[in-house]
Protein backbone atom coordinates (compact mmCIF):
# COMPACT_ATOMS: atom_id res chain seq x y z
CA UNK A 1 37.40 -32.05 51.64
CA UNK A 2 34.90 -29.23 52.31
CA UNK A 3 35.37 -26.76 54.40
CA UNK A 4 34.14 -26.85 57.82
CA UNK A 5 33.30 -24.24 60.50
CA UNK A 6 35.68 -22.49 62.52
CA UNK A 7 33.68 -21.91 65.21
CA UNK A 8 31.29 -23.19 68.11
CA UNK A 9 28.30 -21.45 69.67
CA UNK A 10 25.27 -18.75 68.70
CA UNK A 11 26.55 -19.10 64.62
CA UNK A 12 27.17 -15.23 64.86
CA UNK A 13 30.32 -14.37 62.23
CA UNK A 14 30.80 -11.79 65.06
CA UNK A 15 31.85 -14.50 67.10
CA UNK A 16 34.55 -16.10 64.19
CA UNK A 17 37.76 -16.30 64.75
CA UNK A 18 39.76 -16.88 61.59
CA UNK A 19 43.57 -18.16 60.77
CA UNK A 20 44.40 -15.00 59.32
CA UNK A 21 43.37 -12.97 62.18
CA UNK A 22 44.88 -15.74 64.54
CA UNK A 23 48.35 -15.71 62.55
CA UNK A 24 48.08 -11.64 62.46
CA UNK A 25 47.48 -11.13 66.16
CA UNK A 26 50.29 -13.61 66.97
CA UNK A 27 52.13 -11.68 64.24
CA UNK A 28 51.52 -8.73 66.69
CA UNK A 29 52.41 -10.10 69.76
CA UNK A 30 55.83 -11.23 68.72
CA UNK A 31 56.65 -7.63 67.08
CA UNK A 32 55.56 -6.48 70.61
CA UNK A 33 51.98 -5.00 70.49
CA UNK A 34 49.92 -4.95 72.77
CA UNK A 35 46.95 -6.11 70.82
CA UNK A 36 48.80 -9.83 70.38
CA UNK A 37 48.59 -9.44 74.60
CA UNK A 38 45.16 -8.82 74.59
CA UNK A 39 44.15 -11.32 72.11
CA UNK A 40 46.09 -14.06 74.02
CA UNK A 41 43.77 -13.75 76.66
CA UNK A 42 40.77 -13.66 74.32
CA UNK A 43 38.39 -17.14 75.46
CA UNK A 44 38.06 -17.00 71.42
CA UNK A 45 41.84 -17.59 71.01
CA UNK A 46 42.40 -19.89 73.65
CA UNK A 47 39.58 -21.79 71.34
CA UNK A 48 40.85 -21.59 68.44
CA UNK A 49 44.42 -22.66 69.62
CA UNK A 50 42.52 -25.58 71.26
CA UNK A 51 40.95 -26.31 67.39
CA UNK A 52 43.79 -26.21 65.83
CA UNK A 53 46.13 -28.94 67.77
CA UNK A 54 46.54 -31.83 66.04
CA UNK A 55 45.08 -34.97 67.73
CA UNK A 56 44.14 -38.67 66.79
CA UNK A 57 41.62 -41.27 67.75
CA UNK A 58 42.05 -44.73 67.08
CA UNK A 59 39.17 -47.46 66.73
CA UNK A 60 40.83 -50.90 67.60
CA UNK A 61 38.70 -53.94 66.24
CA UNK A 62 39.97 -56.14 69.40
CA UNK A 63 40.17 -60.04 68.18
CA UNK A 64 40.27 -58.99 64.33
CA UNK A 65 37.61 -58.00 62.22
CA UNK A 66 36.88 -59.39 59.27
CA UNK A 67 38.14 -57.65 55.85
CA UNK A 68 35.54 -59.52 54.05
CA UNK A 69 32.82 -58.20 56.07
CA UNK A 70 34.08 -54.99 55.83
CA UNK A 71 36.39 -53.14 53.66
CA UNK A 72 37.31 -55.96 50.96
CA UNK A 73 34.60 -58.20 50.57
CA UNK A 74 34.92 -60.96 47.95
CA UNK A 75 31.04 -61.45 46.48
CA UNK A 76 30.95 -64.30 44.17
CA UNK A 77 34.07 -66.15 45.47
CA UNK A 78 34.09 -68.84 47.52
CA UNK A 79 36.00 -67.08 50.23
CA UNK A 80 33.09 -64.36 50.07
CA UNK A 81 30.72 -65.40 52.42
CA UNK A 82 26.70 -64.25 52.15
CA UNK A 83 27.02 -60.80 51.94
CA UNK A 84 26.61 -58.63 48.63
CA UNK A 85 28.54 -55.25 48.20
CA UNK A 86 27.50 -51.86 47.81
CA UNK A 87 28.92 -49.05 45.85
CA UNK A 88 30.80 -46.58 47.85
CA UNK A 89 30.74 -42.32 47.36
CA UNK A 90 34.05 -43.50 45.98
CA UNK A 91 33.97 -44.40 41.81
CA UNK A 92 34.64 -47.99 41.80
CA UNK A 93 34.85 -48.85 45.05
CA UNK A 94 32.83 -51.26 46.63
CA UNK A 95 32.20 -52.13 50.34
CA UNK A 96 30.28 -54.89 52.34
CA UNK A 97 26.53 -54.33 51.95
CA UNK A 98 26.43 -53.81 55.99
CA UNK A 99 28.64 -50.30 55.70
CA UNK A 100 25.75 -47.96 54.57
CA UNK A 101 26.33 -45.01 55.99
CA UNK A 102 30.44 -45.22 55.66
CA UNK A 103 29.27 -45.94 52.11
CA UNK A 104 27.85 -42.47 51.37
CA UNK A 105 31.04 -40.72 53.54
CA UNK A 106 34.23 -42.19 52.28
CA UNK A 107 35.03 -39.87 49.29
CA UNK A 108 34.81 -36.72 52.06
CA UNK A 109 37.39 -37.77 54.40
CA UNK A 110 38.42 -41.28 54.24
CA UNK A 111 41.27 -43.42 52.61
CA UNK A 112 40.84 -47.24 52.72
CA UNK A 113 43.99 -49.44 52.67
CA UNK A 114 43.83 -52.80 52.05
CA UNK A 115 46.81 -54.27 51.84
CA UNK A 116 48.44 -54.18 55.63
CA UNK A 117 50.45 -57.26 56.13
CA UNK A 118 50.59 -57.93 59.96
CA UNK A 119 52.85 -61.07 59.72
CA UNK A 120 51.26 -62.38 62.77
CA UNK A 121 48.04 -64.76 63.45
CA UNK A 122 48.43 -64.11 67.57
CA UNK A 123 46.05 -62.01 69.86
CA UNK A 124 48.99 -61.08 71.80
CA UNK A 125 52.01 -60.99 69.71
CA UNK A 126 49.57 -59.89 66.83
CA UNK A 127 48.58 -56.42 69.17
CA UNK A 128 52.33 -56.14 70.24
CA UNK A 129 52.72 -56.27 66.18
CA UNK A 130 50.35 -53.64 65.49
CA UNK A 131 50.52 -51.17 68.32
CA UNK A 132 54.55 -51.19 68.84
CA UNK A 133 55.34 -50.71 65.03
CA UNK A 134 56.51 -54.68 64.89
CA UNK A 135 58.84 -54.28 67.79
CA UNK A 136 57.96 -57.47 70.09
CA UNK A 137 60.55 -56.37 72.90
CA UNK A 138 62.57 -59.20 72.45
CA UNK A 139 65.75 -57.23 73.00
CA UNK A 140 64.54 -56.41 76.25
CA UNK A 141 63.76 -52.88 75.43
CA UNK A 142 59.85 -52.09 76.78
CA UNK A 143 58.31 -50.32 73.57
CA UNK A 144 55.95 -47.70 73.55
CA UNK A 145 52.76 -47.98 71.77
CA UNK A 146 51.76 -45.90 69.15
CA UNK A 147 48.93 -44.46 71.80
CA UNK A 148 51.53 -43.47 73.95
CA UNK A 149 54.16 -42.18 71.19
CA UNK A 150 51.12 -40.14 69.79
CA UNK A 151 50.21 -38.91 72.90
CA UNK A 152 54.12 -37.26 73.48
CA UNK A 153 54.36 -36.09 70.14
CA UNK A 154 50.89 -34.20 70.38
CA UNK A 155 50.45 -33.01 73.98
CA UNK A 156 50.29 -29.65 75.62
CA UNK A 157 53.30 -29.10 78.22
CA UNK A 158 50.51 -27.19 80.75
CA UNK A 159 47.52 -28.79 79.46
CA UNK A 160 45.11 -30.21 82.40
CA UNK A 161 43.50 -32.79 80.75
CA UNK A 162 44.83 -36.11 80.19
CA UNK A 163 47.45 -36.85 77.72
CA UNK A 164 46.22 -40.58 76.74
CA UNK A 165 42.60 -42.12 77.25
CA UNK A 166 41.75 -45.79 76.14
CA UNK A 167 38.24 -47.12 76.47
CA UNK A 168 36.97 -50.64 76.37
CA UNK A 169 33.56 -52.36 75.76
CA UNK A 170 34.64 -55.61 76.88
CA UNK A 171 36.81 -56.59 79.34
CA UNK A 172 38.07 -59.41 76.90
CA UNK A 173 39.92 -56.82 74.76
CA UNK A 174 42.15 -55.47 78.22
CA UNK A 175 42.52 -58.91 79.08
CA UNK A 176 42.84 -61.60 76.50
CA UNK A 177 44.01 -59.09 73.86
CA UNK A 178 46.90 -58.58 76.69
CA UNK A 179 48.55 -55.75 74.99
CA UNK A 180 46.92 -52.35 76.44
CA UNK A 181 48.74 -49.41 75.26
CA UNK A 182 51.99 -48.65 77.43
CA UNK A 183 54.36 -45.90 77.38
CA UNK A 184 57.70 -48.34 78.46
CA UNK A 185 60.76 -46.47 78.49
CA UNK A 186 58.38 -42.88 77.55
CA UNK A 187 57.50 -42.96 81.10
CA UNK A 188 54.31 -43.42 83.09
CA UNK A 189 52.70 -39.82 82.12
CA UNK A 190 52.20 -40.88 78.59
CA UNK A 191 50.40 -44.18 79.97
CA UNK A 192 47.03 -44.53 79.22
CA UNK A 193 43.91 -43.85 81.45
CA UNK A 194 42.26 -46.89 81.21
CA UNK A 195 38.17 -47.00 81.38
CA UNK A 196 36.92 -50.65 81.54
CA UNK A 197 32.84 -51.00 80.67
CA UNK A 198 32.61 -47.76 81.44
CA UNK A 199 32.09 -44.47 80.09
CA UNK A 200 34.49 -42.51 83.05
CA UNK A 201 37.55 -43.47 85.21
CA UNK A 202 36.89 -44.50 88.64
CA UNK A 203 38.54 -42.75 91.34
CA UNK A 204 37.98 -38.53 89.86
CA UNK A 205 36.09 -37.91 93.20
CA UNK A 206 36.91 -37.43 96.95
CA UNK A 207 35.53 -39.84 99.05
CA UNK A 208 32.42 -38.42 101.51
CA UNK A 209 34.91 -38.51 104.43
CA UNK A 210 37.99 -36.61 102.95
CA UNK A 211 37.53 -33.03 102.06
CA UNK A 212 39.73 -31.15 99.46
CA UNK A 213 41.74 -29.26 101.53
CA UNK A 214 42.68 -32.60 102.91
CA UNK A 215 43.51 -34.06 99.16
CA UNK A 216 45.82 -31.18 99.25
CA UNK A 217 47.41 -31.39 102.39
CA UNK A 218 48.22 -35.08 101.39
CA UNK A 219 49.48 -34.20 97.68
CA UNK A 220 51.73 -31.29 99.51
CA UNK A 221 52.99 -34.82 102.03
CA UNK A 222 53.61 -36.77 99.26
CA UNK A 223 55.62 -33.75 96.88
CA UNK A 224 58.08 -33.48 99.96
CA UNK A 225 58.70 -37.29 100.65
CA UNK A 226 58.87 -37.56 96.68
CA UNK A 227 61.61 -35.02 96.76
CA UNK A 228 63.46 -36.21 99.64
CA UNK A 229 63.56 -39.57 98.11
CA UNK A 230 64.76 -38.27 94.65
CA UNK A 231 67.74 -36.57 96.10
CA UNK A 232 70.67 -38.30 94.07
CA UNK A 233 68.20 -39.92 92.11
CA UNK A 234 67.67 -36.57 89.97
CA UNK A 235 69.38 -39.61 86.64
CA UNK A 236 66.32 -42.28 87.54
CA UNK A 237 64.07 -41.13 84.83
CA UNK A 238 61.14 -44.08 86.42
CA UNK A 239 60.59 -41.70 89.93
CA UNK A 240 60.78 -38.47 88.27
CA UNK A 241 58.33 -39.94 85.47
CA UNK A 242 55.86 -41.37 88.33
CA UNK A 243 56.00 -37.75 90.24
CA UNK A 244 54.61 -35.63 86.83
CA UNK A 245 52.06 -38.38 86.65
CA UNK A 246 50.93 -38.15 90.49
CA UNK A 247 51.11 -34.08 89.74
CA UNK A 248 48.66 -34.33 86.88
CA UNK A 249 45.42 -36.25 89.38
CA UNK A 250 44.29 -32.92 90.30
CA UNK A 251 44.28 -32.03 86.76
CA UNK A 252 42.21 -35.17 85.96
CA UNK A 253 39.86 -34.68 88.84
CA UNK A 254 38.89 -31.43 87.40
CA UNK A 255 38.24 -32.66 84.26
CA UNK A 256 35.63 -34.77 85.61
CA UNK A 257 32.91 -33.59 83.53
CA UNK A 258 34.77 -34.22 80.53
CA UNK A 259 33.24 -37.95 80.60
CA UNK A 260 29.94 -36.84 81.44
CA UNK A 261 27.75 -37.20 78.63
CA UNK A 262 24.65 -36.13 80.44
CA UNK A 263 26.17 -32.62 79.62
CA UNK A 264 25.12 -33.14 75.98
CA UNK A 265 21.99 -32.35 74.43
CA UNK A 266 19.30 -35.07 74.23
CA UNK A 267 19.35 -34.91 70.46
CA UNK A 268 23.11 -35.59 70.51
CA UNK A 269 23.22 -38.71 72.73
CA UNK A 270 20.83 -39.98 70.87
CA UNK A 271 22.49 -39.62 67.37
CA UNK A 272 25.07 -41.25 69.35
CA UNK A 273 22.83 -44.29 69.86
CA UNK A 274 22.20 -46.10 73.32
CA UNK A 275 24.80 -48.55 72.78
CA UNK A 276 28.11 -48.79 75.45
CA UNK A 277 30.08 -48.20 72.28
CA UNK A 278 28.31 -45.59 70.99
CA UNK A 279 28.22 -43.65 74.60
CA UNK A 280 31.97 -43.97 74.48
CA UNK A 281 32.73 -42.70 71.00
CA UNK A 282 30.71 -39.73 72.65
CA UNK A 283 33.09 -39.44 75.25
CA UNK A 284 36.20 -39.97 73.06
CA UNK A 285 34.32 -36.67 70.92
CA UNK A 286 34.38 -34.26 74.32
CA UNK A 287 38.01 -35.77 75.17
CA UNK A 288 39.10 -34.48 71.86
CA UNK A 289 37.44 -31.61 71.78
CA UNK A 290 38.77 -30.74 75.04
CA UNK A 291 42.21 -31.29 73.86
CA UNK A 292 43.05 -34.78 74.91
CA UNK A 293 46.26 -35.44 72.46
CA UNK A 294 45.14 -39.64 71.95
CA UNK A 295 42.27 -41.68 72.47
CA UNK A 296 41.69 -45.06 71.85
CA UNK A 297 38.28 -46.46 71.27
CA UNK A 298 38.49 -50.56 71.58
CA UNK A 299 35.09 -52.02 70.09
CA UNK A 300 35.49 -56.16 70.95
CA UNK A 301 35.26 -58.97 70.60
CA UNK A 302 35.57 -59.89 67.07
CA UNK A 303 37.34 -62.92 67.35
CA UNK A 304 34.81 -65.25 65.00
CA UNK A 305 36.00 -68.78 64.53
CA UNK A 306 32.61 -69.71 64.97
CA UNK A 307 29.34 -67.89 62.80
CA UNK A 308 31.48 -65.56 61.66
CA UNK A 309 28.46 -63.87 59.41
CA UNK A 310 26.24 -63.52 62.10
CA UNK A 311 28.81 -61.78 64.76
CA UNK A 312 29.59 -59.46 62.09
CA UNK A 313 25.92 -58.76 61.09
CA UNK A 314 25.43 -57.50 64.45
CA UNK A 315 28.96 -55.57 64.69
CA UNK A 316 29.55 -54.52 61.87
CA UNK A 317 26.13 -52.02 61.49
CA UNK A 318 27.18 -50.51 64.92
CA UNK A 319 30.47 -49.74 63.84
CA UNK A 320 29.07 -48.32 60.57
CA UNK A 321 26.51 -46.25 62.40
CA UNK A 322 29.13 -45.20 65.33
CA UNK A 323 31.91 -44.46 63.00
CA UNK A 324 29.63 -42.43 60.90
CA UNK A 325 28.38 -40.26 63.18
CA UNK A 326 31.46 -39.77 65.04
CA UNK A 327 33.25 -38.42 61.72
CA UNK A 328 30.18 -36.27 61.20
CA UNK A 329 30.46 -34.89 64.30
CA UNK A 330 33.83 -33.70 64.22
CA UNK A 331 33.90 -32.47 61.00
CA UNK A 332 30.29 -30.22 61.87
CA UNK A 333 33.06 -28.94 64.90
CA UNK A 334 35.60 -27.91 62.65
CA UNK A 335 38.05 -30.66 64.35
CA UNK A 336 38.23 -33.34 61.64
CA UNK A 337 40.61 -31.52 59.81
CA UNK A 338 43.14 -31.75 62.72
CA UNK A 339 42.28 -35.15 64.21
CA UNK A 340 43.44 -38.39 62.91
CA UNK A 341 40.90 -41.34 63.03
CA UNK A 342 42.41 -44.69 62.60
CA UNK A 343 40.27 -48.01 62.37
CA UNK A 344 42.64 -51.37 62.24
CA UNK A 345 42.67 -54.40 64.00
CA UNK A 346 45.55 -56.66 65.26
CA UNK A 347 44.76 -59.28 62.41
CA UNK A 348 42.66 -60.16 59.91
CA UNK A 349 40.36 -63.06 59.38
CA UNK A 350 41.00 -66.13 56.81
CA UNK A 351 39.31 -66.35 53.25
CA UNK A 352 38.93 -70.05 54.13
CA UNK A 353 35.20 -71.04 56.34
CA UNK A 354 35.47 -73.70 58.57
CA UNK A 355 33.25 -75.82 59.19
CA UNK A 356 31.72 -73.55 62.63
CA UNK A 357 30.96 -71.00 59.96
CA UNK A 358 33.75 -69.19 61.25
CA UNK A 359 36.92 -67.50 59.96
CA UNK A 360 40.17 -67.70 62.02
CA UNK A 361 43.41 -65.73 62.06
CA UNK A 362 44.88 -64.25 59.17
CA UNK A 363 47.60 -61.94 58.91
CA UNK A 364 46.56 -59.66 56.35
CA UNK A 365 43.73 -56.89 57.27
CA UNK A 366 42.54 -53.63 56.19
CA UNK A 367 42.94 -50.22 58.07
CA UNK A 368 41.29 -46.97 57.47
CA UNK A 369 42.74 -43.53 57.92
CA UNK A 370 40.36 -40.16 58.05
CA UNK A 371 40.96 -36.90 58.16
CA UNK A 372 43.92 -35.06 59.44
CA UNK A 373 47.02 -34.98 56.75
CA UNK A 374 44.83 -37.82 54.67
CA UNK A 375 44.10 -37.56 50.74
CA UNK A 376 40.22 -38.39 51.01
CA UNK A 377 38.58 -40.76 48.92
CA UNK A 378 41.96 -43.06 48.07
CA UNK A 379 41.29 -46.83 48.18
CA UNK A 380 45.60 -48.01 48.34
CA UNK A 381 46.68 -51.77 48.03
CA UNK A 382 45.03 -54.60 46.55
CA UNK A 383 44.43 -58.68 47.42
CA UNK A 384 43.98 -60.99 44.91
CA UNK A 385 40.41 -62.60 43.73
CA UNK A 386 39.97 -64.60 46.74
CA UNK A 387 41.35 -62.46 49.57
CA UNK A 388 44.08 -65.05 49.95
CA UNK A 389 46.96 -62.66 49.93
CA UNK A 390 48.00 -59.34 48.77
CA UNK A 391 48.70 -58.88 45.40
CA UNK A 392 49.38 -54.68 44.90
CA UNK A 393 51.08 -52.42 47.94
CA UNK A 394 51.97 -54.32 50.46
CA UNK A 395 51.78 -51.56 53.45
CA UNK A 396 53.93 -53.35 56.44
CA UNK A 397 52.79 -52.33 59.84
CA UNK A 398 56.20 -49.71 60.30
CA UNK A 399 54.90 -48.55 57.01
CA UNK A 400 51.57 -47.80 58.26
CA UNK A 401 53.02 -45.88 61.68
CA UNK A 402 55.71 -43.77 59.19
CA UNK A 403 52.41 -42.55 57.05
CA UNK A 404 50.43 -42.15 60.63
CA UNK A 405 53.06 -39.75 61.98
CA UNK A 406 53.30 -38.50 58.53
CA UNK A 407 49.60 -37.38 58.55
CA UNK A 408 50.19 -35.87 61.65
CA UNK A 409 53.27 -33.63 60.81
CA UNK A 410 55.68 -36.00 63.02
CA UNK A 411 58.84 -36.99 61.89
CA UNK A 412 59.00 -40.74 61.76
CA UNK A 413 62.45 -41.46 62.10
CA UNK A 414 62.90 -38.85 65.12
CA UNK A 415 64.60 -40.30 67.89
CA UNK A 416 63.89 -41.20 71.80
CA UNK A 417 66.32 -42.20 74.13
CA UNK A 418 65.30 -45.63 75.90
CA UNK A 419 66.30 -46.83 79.44
CA UNK A 420 69.80 -48.64 78.65
CA UNK A 421 70.83 -45.09 76.73
CA UNK A 422 70.10 -46.69 73.01
CA UNK A 423 68.61 -44.51 70.45
CA UNK A 424 65.00 -45.51 69.54
CA UNK A 425 63.57 -44.29 66.47
CA UNK A 426 59.25 -43.59 66.10
CA UNK A 427 59.85 -46.72 63.49
CA UNK A 428 62.01 -48.86 61.81
CA UNK A 429 64.79 -47.90 60.01
CA UNK A 430 63.54 -47.82 56.36
CA UNK A 431 59.90 -47.57 56.55
CA UNK A 432 58.60 -44.79 54.33
CA UNK A 433 55.58 -43.27 54.28
CA UNK A 434 52.54 -44.15 51.83
CA UNK A 435 52.41 -41.22 50.33
CA UNK A 436 49.42 -42.28 47.99
CA UNK A 437 46.79 -41.79 51.06
CA UNK A 438 48.67 -38.41 52.21
CA UNK A 439 47.46 -35.21 51.21
């Protein structure tokens, strides 16, 4: 992966702060030196610490994008469809011709996995499988989604920015694909702020009739009543979690400008493009840069039972452009080395093309992992010549989760405690990371 800039600003080397200088100052602080204390008050150090924080972004292609029209084409086969392939910057790796911008970049920071087995072909259950690590909750446990777990593991305790934000381009992605991110037994602090067909959450501004003092006094009254309610209920994690979530409301309101892309230069907004997906991707970059540990971009709706090729001819080029710009932007800002960008769906599409020129639900899919902890230029796994099954390197969803956690430096067998007291590991027992895609 190429080296990236370590700082933002005018570009002068006098304004740079190197990792070595940072570690030296931190050592001075630990040894009691006053220079370390002064350094901790430095805006440059605060910016460097925020930049070094690990974070994650999921681009979720809701409805089931076709692997044939993206990462695993089969040209010339009866299952291949009308599109041709293009050579990528990885020797010997071809992807669909609808992804020309990504094709020139994949060697720099991306691994393609062509052999994910979701083991399910239903939107609802499929989303539960790929977002909860194949744990459906049939045992009565409300399992957290990947986003909630990553928000918890990567969050900063004293952060005023949200821990978890999910942006949806279409209502269908939140309602039909009925498994939005949820914290489950982790508690409501790690539930997402869901933003539907917008760029910012609603309710971050006070009504005109309510002053800031009114809001503070209402908050103080709520805190008082909450403390009284919690007496004798200290072991009730749900009540405590709700209190913690409410306490962050003012922090969210103070972060209102994070969602405002008018703060960006015209050239940056033009670069991302005018589509809602492009604009939400710019919001996502702003959130990641501000230290939000987990952001989900939900691009839908890919459920192409009819006219699959027309749908993908429209949507894949947009994905190609927006994803390319986002990765470039993160890299240029020195963020990509500490940000893991994931792209996958709840399912893939069938090799067979139906009578409506569509592809139906299929349990095999492709995924990409980019940035933090990933070995760039890797193509892992293989499907057979018609794409009807996985031929090499099958990757289960728990394995994919283990790989994601490992890339971010998280112990994938770390245990949480569910509401009923049982220990729950981040991934199913026996799941192992795919070491071939890890740096």
